[in-house]
Amino acid sequence: MVKHIKLSVITMCLAGCASTAQPVHTSERQVTLADVNLQLARAIQVEDFRLMAFASRRLVFVGLEQENTQRLKTLCGVKYIDGSSDILKNGTSKQKRYAHYEFAKAYNEVMVKHCLKAEPTLKSMIE
């Protein structure tokens, strides 16, 4: 537990040292690196290493399309993006999907590293 708290503190410190976040413009709100880091810190604090994916016919982890999906699903778990599907009705839904994709991609690129570091612990929990 202490290890995870230290990791969270380090993550937050590194986020504070990062250059100014470049927002992704969406019709709903600005998505920034700070939003991603906040969600990551919360998830890591409670040891929730699930990776984000769109609710669609085929499971694909956003930003990790070339990785072994089944292995990541078993080790890390899946966190489906609320309101997502593979049906885009209009331009607004395309903008929302793009914003969700960019957020989830940034999230997954960091979270997969935490998940794989915790892999021995997760394997023992699965077995």
C-alpha atoms as a PDB file:
ATOM      1  CA  MET A   1       0.000   0.000   0.000  1.00  0.00           C
ATOM      2  CA  VAL A   2       2.848   2.361   0.899  1.00  0.00           C
ATOM      3  CA  LYS A   3       4.423   1.566  -2.465  1.00  0.00           C
ATOM      4  CA  HIS A   4       1.256   2.646  -4.281  1.00  0.00           C
ATOM      5  CA  ILE A   5       0.977   5.857  -2.258  1.00  0.00           C
ATOM      6  CA  LYS A   6       4.576   6.727  -3.110  1.00  0.00           C
ATOM      7  CA  LEU A   7       3.855   5.944  -6.744  1.00  0.00           C
ATOM      8  CA  SER A   8       0.810   8.222  -6.686  1.00  0.00           C
ATOM      9  CA  VAL A   9       2.791  11.069  -5.149  1.00  0.00           C
ATOM     10  CA  ILE A  10       5.569  10.648  -7.718  1.00  0.00           C
ATOM     11  CA  THR A  11       3.022  10.601 -10.549  1.00  0.00           C
ATOM     12  CA  MET A  12       1.432  13.811  -9.316  1.00  0.00           C
ATOM     13  CA  CYS A  13       4.834  15.487  -8.901  1.00  0.00           C
ATOM     14  CA  LEU A  14       5.858  14.517 -12.409  1.00  0.00           C
ATOM     15  CA  ALA A  15       2.574  15.813 -13.760  1.00  0.00           C
ATOM     16  CA  GLY A  16       3.273  19.133 -12.080  1.00  0.00           C
ATOM     17  CA  CYS A  17       6.703  19.283 -13.719  1.00  0.00           C
ATOM     18  CA  ALA A  18       5.323  18.607 -17.183  1.00  0.00           C
ATOM     19  CA  SER A  19       5.014  21.389 -19.696  1.00  0.00           C
ATOM     20  CA  THR A  20       1.691  23.125 -20.151  1.00  0.00           C
ATOM     21  CA  ALA A  21      -0.935  20.593 -21.169  1.00  0.00           C
ATOM     22  CA  GLN A  22      -2.263  20.891 -24.679  1.00  0.00           C
ATOM     23  CA  PRO A  23      -6.047  20.557 -24.524  1.00  0.00           C
ATOM     24  CA  VAL A  24      -8.088  18.509 -26.951  1.00  0.00           C
ATOM     25  CA  HIS A  25     -10.928  20.736 -28.122  1.00  0.00           C
ATOM     26  CA  THR A  26     -14.345  19.162 -27.799  1.00  0.00           C
ATOM     27  CA  SER A  27     -17.852  20.486 -27.898  1.00  0.00           C
ATOM     28  CA  GLU A  28     -18.467  19.421 -24.273  1.00  0.00           C
ATOM     29  CA  ARG A  29     -15.338  20.635 -22.450  1.00  0.00           C
ATOM     30  CA  GLN A  30     -11.577  20.873 -22.558  1.00  0.00           C
ATOM     31  CA  VAL A  31      -9.795  17.595 -21.922  1.00  0.00           C
ATOM     32  CA  THR A  32      -6.323  18.205 -20.522  1.00  0.00           C
ATOM     33  CA  LEU A  33      -3.377  16.206 -19.336  1.00  0.00           C
ATOM     34  CA  ALA A  34      -4.366  17.258 -15.809  1.00  0.00           C
ATOM     35  CA  ASP A  35      -7.719  15.449 -16.237  1.00  0.00           C
ATOM     36  CA  VAL A  36      -5.922  12.286 -17.320  1.00  0.00           C
ATOM     37  CA  ASN A  37      -3.424  12.509 -14.453  1.00  0.00           C
ATOM     38  CA  LEU A  38      -6.209  13.024 -11.925  1.00  0.00           C
ATOM     39  CA  GLN A  39      -8.066   9.921 -13.126  1.00  0.00           C
ATOM     40  CA  LEU A  40      -4.820   7.925 -13.156  1.00  0.00           C
ATOM     41  CA  ALA A  41      -3.948   8.967  -9.603  1.00  0.00           C
ATOM     42  CA  ARG A  42      -7.411   8.000  -8.350  1.00  0.00           C
ATOM     43  CA  ALA A  43      -7.308   4.612 -10.082  1.00  0.00           C
ATOM     44  CA  ILE A  44      -3.785   3.787  -8.933  1.00  0.00           C
ATOM     45  CA  GLN A  45      -4.625   4.764  -5.365  1.00  0.00           C
ATOM     46  CA  VAL A  46      -7.356   2.099  -5.242  1.00  0.00           C
ATOM     47  CA  GLU A  47      -5.323  -0.366  -7.347  1.00  0.00           C
ATOM     48  CA  ASP A  48      -7.795  -0.221 -10.248  1.00  0.00           C
ATOM     49  CA  PHE A  49      -5.535  -1.115 -13.179  1.00  0.00           C
ATOM     50  CA  ARG A  50      -8.333  -1.640 -15.718  1.00  0.00           C
ATOM     51  CA  LEU A  51      -7.722  -0.300 -19.209  1.00  0.00           C
ATOM     52  CA  MET A  52     -10.234   1.814 -21.131  1.00  0.00           C
ATOM     53  CA  ALA A  53     -12.044   0.446 -24.170  1.00  0.00           C
ATOM     54  CA  PHE A  54     -15.005   1.425 -26.316  1.00  0.00           C
ATOM     55  CA  ALA A  55     -18.130  -0.701 -25.932  1.00  0.00           C
ATOM     56  CA  SER A  56     -18.167  -2.253 -29.382  1.00  0.00           C
ATOM     57  CA  ARG A  57     -18.452  -5.605 -31.116  1.00  0.00           C
ATOM     58  CA  ARG A  58     -14.714  -6.258 -30.812  1.00  0.00           C
ATOM     59  CA  LEU A  59     -12.677  -5.460 -27.715  1.00  0.00           C
ATOM     60  CA  VAL A  60      -9.845  -3.049 -28.491  1.00  0.00           C
ATOM     61  CA  PHE A  61      -7.961  -1.159 -25.812  1.00  0.00           C
ATOM     62  CA  VAL A  62      -7.673   2.453 -26.928  1.00  0.00           C
ATOM     63  CA  GLY A  63      -4.102   3.370 -27.865  1.00  0.00           C
ATOM     64  CA  LEU A  64      -2.973  -0.238 -27.434  1.00  0.00           C
ATOM     65  CA  GLU A  65      -4.436  -1.637 -30.636  1.00  0.00           C
ATOM     66  CA  GLN A  66      -1.278  -3.621 -31.475  1.00  0.00           C
ATOM     67  CA  GLU A  67      -1.078  -5.338 -28.084  1.00  0.00           C
ATOM     68  CA  ASN A  68      -2.394  -8.774 -27.106  1.00  0.00           C
ATOM     69  CA  THR A  69      -5.955  -7.854 -26.124  1.00  0.00           C
ATOM     70  CA  GLN A  70      -6.787 -11.132 -24.379  1.00  0.00           C
ATOM     71  CA  ARG A  71      -3.661 -10.994 -22.211  1.00  0.00           C
ATOM     72  CA  LEU A  72      -4.333  -7.384 -21.212  1.00  0.00           C
ATOM     73  CA  LYS A  73      -7.977  -8.196 -20.482  1.00  0.00           C
ATOM     74  CA  THR A  74      -6.937 -11.059 -18.198  1.00  0.00           C
ATOM     75  CA  LEU A  75      -4.189  -9.152 -16.392  1.00  0.00           C
ATOM     76  CA  CYS A  76      -5.620  -5.641 -16.200  1.00  0.00           C
ATOM     77  CA  GLY A  77      -9.358  -5.849 -16.805  1.00  0.00           C
ATOM     78  CA  VAL A  78     -11.650  -3.644 -18.882  1.00  0.00           C
ATOM     79  CA  LYS A  79     -13.178  -0.268 -18.078  1.00  0.00           C
ATOM     80  CA  TYR A  80     -15.708   0.551 -20.795  1.00  0.00           C
ATOM     81  CA  ILE A  81     -16.054   4.203 -21.751  1.00  0.00           C
ATOM     82  CA  ASP A  82     -19.515   5.466 -20.737  1.00  0.00           C
ATOM     83  CA  GLY A  83     -21.862   6.091 -23.645  1.00  0.00           C
ATOM     84  CA  SER A  84     -19.497   4.624 -26.217  1.00  0.00           C
ATOM     85  CA  SER A  85     -20.451   2.392 -29.119  1.00  0.00           C
ATOM     86  CA  ASP A  86     -19.288   1.754 -32.649  1.00  0.00           C
ATOM     87  CA  ILE A  87     -22.248   3.648 -34.125  1.00  0.00           C
ATOM     88  CA  LEU A  88     -21.617   7.314 -34.937  1.00  0.00           C
ATOM     89  CA  LYS A  89     -24.858   9.164 -35.625  1.00  0.00           C
ATOM     90  CA  ASN A  90     -23.615  12.659 -36.499  1.00  0.00           C
ATOM     91  CA  GLY A  91     -20.709  15.084 -36.329  1.00  0.00           C
ATOM     92  CA  THR A  92     -21.219  15.656 -32.631  1.00  0.00           C
ATOM     93  CA  SER A  93     -20.856  11.957 -31.852  1.00  0.00           C
ATOM     94  CA  LYS A  94     -17.649  11.905 -33.928  1.00  0.00           C
ATOM     95  CA  GLN A  95     -16.259  14.796 -31.879  1.00  0.00           C
ATOM     96  CA  LYS A  96     -17.195  13.064 -28.622  1.00  0.00           C
ATOM     97  CA  ARG A  97     -15.611   9.806 -29.778  1.00  0.00           C
ATOM     98  CA  TYR A  98     -12.424  11.635 -30.747  1.00  0.00           C
ATOM     99  CA  ALA A  99     -12.264  13.308 -27.327  1.00  0.00           C
ATOM    100  CA  HIS A 100     -12.915   9.984 -25.564  1.00  0.00           C
ATOM    101  CA  TYR A 101     -10.272   8.306 -27.735  1.00  0.00           C
ATOM    102  CA  GLU A 102      -7.602  10.905 -26.949  1.00  0.00           C
ATOM    103  CA  PHE A 103      -8.359  10.768 -23.215  1.00  0.00           C
ATOM    104  CA  ALA A 104      -8.391   6.952 -23.098  1.00  0.00           C
ATOM    105  CA  LYS A 105      -5.234   6.684 -25.193  1.00  0.00           C
ATOM    106  CA  ALA A 106      -3.284   8.918 -22.798  1.00  0.00           C
ATOM    107  CA  TYR A 107      -4.769   7.053 -19.815  1.00  0.00           C
ATOM    108  CA  ASN A 108      -4.041   3.566 -21.186  1.00  0.00           C
ATOM    109  CA  GLU A 109      -0.459   4.360 -22.196  1.00  0.00           C
ATOM    110  CA  VAL A 110       0.364   5.087 -18.549  1.00  0.00           C
ATOM    111  CA  MET A 111      -1.973   2.569 -16.900  1.00  0.00           C
ATOM    112  CA  VAL A 112      -0.701  -0.427 -18.887  1.00  0.00           C
ATOM    113  CA  LYS A 113       2.749   0.129 -17.362  1.00  0.00           C
ATOM    114  CA  HIS A 114       1.296   0.130 -13.838  1.00  0.00           C
ATOM    115  CA  CYS A 115      -0.760  -2.946 -14.616  1.00  0.00           C
ATOM    116  CA  LEU A 116       2.199  -4.903 -15.955  1.00  0.00           C
ATOM    117  CA  LYS A 117       4.344  -3.881 -12.957  1.00  0.00           C
ATOM    118  CA  ALA A 118       1.641  -5.288 -10.683  1.00  0.00           C
ATOM    119  CA  GLU A 119       1.380  -8.426 -12.857  1.00  0.00           C
ATOM    120  CA  PRO A 120       2.788 -10.945 -10.306  1.00  0.00           C
ATOM    121  CA  THR A 121       0.296  -9.730  -7.709  1.00  0.00           C
ATOM    122  CA  LEU A 122      -2.549  -9.830 -10.225  1.00  0.00           C
ATOM    123  CA  LYS A 123      -1.631 -13.333 -11.392  1.00  0.00           C
ATOM    124  CA  SER A 124      -1.793 -14.655  -7.835  1.00  0.00           C
ATOM    125  CA  MET A 125      -5.204 -13.009  -7.384  1.00  0.00           C
ATOM    126  CA  ILE A 126      -6.516 -14.571 -10.621  1.00  0.00           C
ATOM    127  CA  GLU A 127      -5.287 -18.099  -9.823  1.00  0.00           C
END
